[in-house]
């Protein structure tokens, strides 16, 4: 007779869970909550960090841009968004990011998981830290990765057309589009990441919805802060 499958058997976690999470967040979150290994999550964070490091290193020669172009960026998005917050010369800033981005992302990952673990402990949660290390990556990182890829695509498509568009040379539609697209794109994708992290929290702990939403928020807030304060 054929051997019956064990109902408790689960598929080992792998990076393809990033895609499964996008299309089946409820069932995938439940599976992730039962995993014991954090190795695939670590490889996702490592791969994303190396991609960012490569991007920062290879784009240093283009940052800061010529002064007239930088002035256009500042006029559109403000000094806070366009210039380094840290007291580091702009001509070295992306090299600095390339050097620190790996430890920075590992710390961000840990903060996301520890924050979720700490809050859920306060409100009756029982899941161990390893579960939150996995949920933080597979629930939120797909949208963080998409935001970075879309930002790069946006810059690549417009390239030398960006400043003329910001100056209104192509009309008010394109001027408004290039000004507001990055803001809306990051807000929407990070907001969806918050929603998915909340779903993951609910499927993990099965507690009140408001607790899941707050858990999703404490996962979401670290990428938001890091992106807003450091990435340029």
Protein backbone atom coordinates (compact mmCIF):
# COMPACT_ATOMS: atom_id res chain seq x y z
CA UNK A 1 0.00 0.00 0.00
CA UNK A 2 1.25 3.55 -0.73
CA UNK A 3 2.58 5.45 2.27
CA UNK A 4 0.16 8.11 3.46
CA UNK A 5 1.56 11.60 3.74
CA UNK A 6 2.18 13.03 7.17
CA UNK A 7 -0.27 15.89 7.73
CA UNK A 8 2.27 17.67 9.90
CA UNK A 9 4.97 17.57 7.23
CA UNK A 10 5.75 20.96 5.75
CA UNK A 11 7.78 22.06 2.77
CA UNK A 12 11.21 23.40 3.76
CA UNK A 13 11.44 27.16 3.59
CA UNK A 14 13.16 28.56 0.49
CA UNK A 15 13.42 31.89 -1.31
CA UNK A 16 10.50 30.99 -3.60
CA UNK A 17 8.29 31.67 -0.59
CA UNK A 18 8.78 35.35 -1.47
CA UNK A 19 6.65 34.81 -4.57
CA UNK A 20 4.21 32.51 -2.80
CA UNK A 21 3.71 35.17 -0.15
CA UNK A 22 2.69 37.68 -2.82
CA UNK A 23 -0.10 35.50 -4.21
CA UNK A 24 -1.14 33.47 -1.13
CA UNK A 25 -0.24 35.51 1.95
CA UNK A 26 -2.60 33.74 4.35
CA UNK A 27 -1.63 30.13 3.72
CA UNK A 28 2.05 31.01 3.17
CA UNK A 29 2.21 32.93 6.45
CA UNK A 30 0.87 29.87 8.25
CA UNK A 31 3.53 27.68 6.65
CA UNK A 32 6.29 30.15 7.51
CA UNK A 33 5.13 30.24 11.13
CA UNK A 34 5.88 26.49 11.37
CA UNK A 35 9.40 26.68 9.95
CA UNK A 36 12.45 26.04 12.11
CA UNK A 37 15.25 27.33 9.86
CA UNK A 38 16.04 31.00 9.26
CA UNK A 39 18.73 30.26 6.66
CA UNK A 40 16.58 31.13 3.60
CA UNK A 41 15.59 34.44 5.21
CA UNK A 42 19.25 35.20 5.85
CA UNK A 43 20.09 34.53 2.19
CA UNK A 44 17.33 36.91 1.08
CA UNK A 45 18.70 39.66 3.31
CA UNK A 46 22.27 38.96 2.18
CA UNK A 47 21.34 38.96 -1.51
CA UNK A 48 19.34 42.18 -1.20
CA UNK A 49 22.20 43.81 0.74
CA UNK A 50 24.75 42.87 -1.91
CA UNK A 51 22.47 44.21 -4.64
CA UNK A 52 22.17 47.52 -2.78
CA UNK A 53 25.92 47.65 -2.14
CA UNK A 54 26.61 47.14 -5.85
CA UNK A 55 24.10 49.84 -6.78
CA UNK A 56 25.53 52.37 -4.34
CA UNK A 57 29.12 51.63 -5.35
CA UNK A 58 28.52 51.90 -9.08
CA UNK A 59 26.40 55.06 -8.81
CA UNK A 60 28.83 57.09 -6.70
CA UNK A 61 30.26 58.78 -9.79
CA UNK A 62 26.77 60.11 -10.58
CA UNK A 63 26.13 61.48 -7.07
CA UNK A 64 25.96 64.28 -6.38
CA UNK A 65 24.98 65.39 -9.88
CA UNK A 66 26.04 68.74 -11.33
CA UNK A 67 24.86 71.62 -9.17
CA UNK A 68 22.08 72.78 -11.51
CA UNK A 69 20.69 69.24 -11.56
CA UNK A 70 20.98 68.88 -7.78
CA UNK A 71 19.19 72.20 -7.39
CA UNK A 72 16.32 70.80 -9.46
CA UNK A 73 16.13 67.71 -7.25
CA UNK A 74 16.14 69.84 -4.09
CA UNK A 75 13.46 72.13 -5.44
CA UNK A 76 11.25 69.13 -6.26
CA UNK A 77 11.84 66.91 -3.23
CA UNK A 78 13.62 69.03 -0.62
CA UNK A 79 17.10 68.99 0.91
CA UNK A 80 16.18 66.33 3.47
CA UNK A 81 15.33 63.78 0.78
CA UNK A 82 18.19 64.62 -1.56
CA UNK A 83 21.21 65.36 0.65
CA UNK A 84 22.87 63.14 3.28
CA UNK A 85 21.56 63.54 6.80
CA UNK A 86 24.86 62.30 8.21
CA UNK A 87 27.85 64.68 8.15
CA UNK A 88 29.48 62.94 5.21
CA UNK A 89 30.51 64.72 2.01
CA UNK A 90 28.06 63.87 -0.81
CA UNK A 91 30.89 62.86 -3.14
CA UNK A 92 31.69 59.98 -0.75
CA UNK A 93 28.23 59.23 0.53
CA UNK A 94 27.21 56.35 -1.73
CA UNK A 95 30.58 54.70 -1.24
CA UNK A 96 29.90 54.96 2.49
CA UNK A 97 26.48 53.34 1.97
CA UNK A 98 28.02 50.56 -0.10
CA UNK A 99 30.36 49.77 2.80
CA UNK A 100 27.78 49.84 5.60
CA UNK A 101 24.70 48.48 3.84
CA UNK A 102 25.29 44.81 4.69
CA UNK A 103 25.61 45.28 8.46
CA UNK A 104 22.88 47.92 8.27
CA UNK A 105 20.43 45.52 6.63
CA UNK A 106 21.28 42.73 9.07
CA UNK A 107 20.63 45.10 11.97
CA UNK A 108 17.38 46.26 10.33
CA UNK A 109 16.26 42.65 9.95
CA UNK A 110 17.02 41.95 13.60
CA UNK A 111 15.24 45.11 14.74
CA UNK A 112 12.14 44.23 12.71
CA UNK A 113 11.98 40.76 14.25
CA UNK A 114 12.88 41.77 17.82
CA UNK A 115 10.34 44.60 17.74
CA UNK A 116 7.62 42.22 16.57
CA UNK A 117 8.63 39.65 19.19
CA UNK A 118 8.73 42.26 21.95
CA UNK A 119 5.32 43.72 21.14
CA UNK A 120 3.59 40.37 20.71
CA UNK A 121 5.02 39.19 24.04
CA UNK A 122 3.39 42.20 25.69
CA UNK A 123 -0.02 41.34 24.24
CA UNK A 124 0.00 37.59 24.76
CA UNK A 125 1.92 36.31 21.73
CA UNK A 126 3.81 33.05 21.95
CA UNK A 127 5.82 32.74 18.72
CA UNK A 128 9.61 32.48 19.12
CA UNK A 129 12.04 34.96 17.63
CA UNK A 130 12.95 32.67 14.71
CA UNK A 131 9.35 32.92 13.47
CA UNK A 132 9.53 36.72 13.39
CA UNK A 133 12.90 36.62 11.67
CA UNK A 134 11.23 34.65 8.89
CA UNK A 135 7.95 36.58 8.82
CA UNK A 136 9.72 39.96 8.67
CA UNK A 137 11.64 38.88 5.57
CA UNK A 138 8.98 37.00 3.66
CA UNK A 139 6.13 39.39 4.47
CA UNK A 140 7.86 42.75 4.02
CA UNK A 141 11.03 42.30 1.98
CA UNK A 142 9.22 41.50 -1.31
CA UNK A 143 7.81 45.02 -1.28
CA UNK A 144 11.07 46.62 -0.14
CA UNK A 145 12.82 44.86 -3.01
CA UNK A 146 10.13 45.94 -5.50
CA UNK A 147 10.39 49.55 -4.30
CA UNK A 148 14.15 49.61 -4.86
CA UNK A 149 13.83 47.97 -8.29
CA UNK A 150 11.10 50.39 -9.36
CA UNK A 151 13.14 53.34 -8.10
CA UNK A 152 16.07 52.17 -10.22
CA UNK A 153 13.79 51.64 -13.20
CA UNK A 154 12.33 55.11 -12.76
CA UNK A 155 15.78 56.69 -12.70
CA UNK A 156 16.94 54.59 -15.64
CA UNK A 157 13.95 55.43 -17.84
CA UNK A 158 14.03 59.17 -17.24
CA UNK A 159 17.79 59.63 -16.84
CA UNK A 160 18.79 62.83 -18.63
CA UNK A 161 15.12 63.74 -19.11
CA UNK A 162 14.53 64.08 -15.37
CA UNK A 163 15.71 67.66 -14.87
CA UNK A 164 13.91 69.06 -17.96
CA UNK A 165 10.76 67.28 -16.77
CA UNK A 166 11.16 68.77 -13.29
CA UNK A 167 11.58 72.20 -14.88
CA UNK A 168 8.31 71.77 -16.76
CA UNK A 169 9.84 71.61 -20.23
CA UNK A 170 7.60 68.66 -21.19
CA UNK A 171 4.44 70.09 -19.68
CA UNK A 172 2.77 70.05 -16.30
CA UNK A 173 1.68 66.39 -16.54
CA UNK A 174 5.23 65.03 -16.76
CA UNK A 175 6.45 67.55 -14.21
CA UNK A 176 3.88 66.35 -11.68
CA UNK A 177 4.49 62.72 -12.62
CA UNK A 178 8.22 62.74 -11.95
CA UNK A 179 7.75 64.70 -8.72
CA UNK A 180 5.02 62.53 -7.20
CA UNK A 181 5.69 59.08 -8.64
CA UNK A 182 8.52 58.15 -6.21
CA UNK A 183 6.51 59.37 -3.22
CA UNK A 184 3.38 57.46 -4.18
CA UNK A 185 5.33 54.38 -5.22
CA UNK A 186 7.18 54.05 -1.92
CA UNK A 187 4.06 54.88 0.11
CA UNK A 188 1.95 52.28 -1.69
CA UNK A 189 4.52 49.47 -1.70
CA UNK A 190 5.59 50.01 1.89
CA UNK A 191 1.94 50.28 2.88
CA UNK A 192 1.20 46.93 1.22
CA UNK A 193 4.23 45.52 3.05
CA UNK A 194 2.67 46.72 6.31
CA UNK A 195 -0.58 44.99 5.38
CA UNK A 196 1.20 41.73 4.54
CA UNK A 197 3.22 41.90 7.76
CA UNK A 198 -0.08 42.35 9.62
CA UNK A 199 -1.52 39.30 7.86
CA UNK A 200 1.58 37.32 8.80
CA UNK A 201 1.24 38.45 12.42
CA UNK A 202 -2.41 37.43 12.58
CA UNK A 203 -1.76 34.03 11.02
CA UNK A 204 1.14 33.49 13.41
CA UNK A 205 -0.52 34.44 16.69
CA UNK A 206 -4.26 34.33 15.96
CA UNK A 207 -4.93 37.24 18.26
CA UNK A 208 -7.03 40.39 17.84
CA UNK A 209 -6.76 42.18 14.50
CA UNK A 210 -5.57 45.42 16.10
CA UNK A 211 -2.65 43.55 17.65
CA UNK A 212 -1.74 42.15 14.24
CA UNK A 213 -1.90 45.62 12.67
CA UNK A 214 0.40 47.09 15.34
CA UNK A 215 2.79 44.14 14.92
CA UNK A 216 2.85 44.83 11.18
CA UNK A 217 3.60 48.47 11.93
CA UNK A 218 6.60 47.72 14.15
CA UNK A 219 7.97 45.54 11.35
CA UNK A 220 7.28 48.18 8.70
CA UNK A 221 8.65 51.18 10.57
CA UNK A 222 12.32 50.15 10.44
CA UNK A 223 12.61 49.96 6.62
CA UNK A 224 10.69 53.23 6.42
CA UNK A 225 13.05 55.01 8.82
CA UNK A 226 16.20 53.58 7.22
CA UNK A 227 15.08 54.45 3.70
CA UNK A 228 14.02 57.97 4.66
CA UNK A 229 17.08 58.83 6.75
CA UNK A 230 19.95 57.07 5.01
CA UNK A 231 19.30 56.00 1.42
CA UNK A 232 20.15 58.70 -1.10
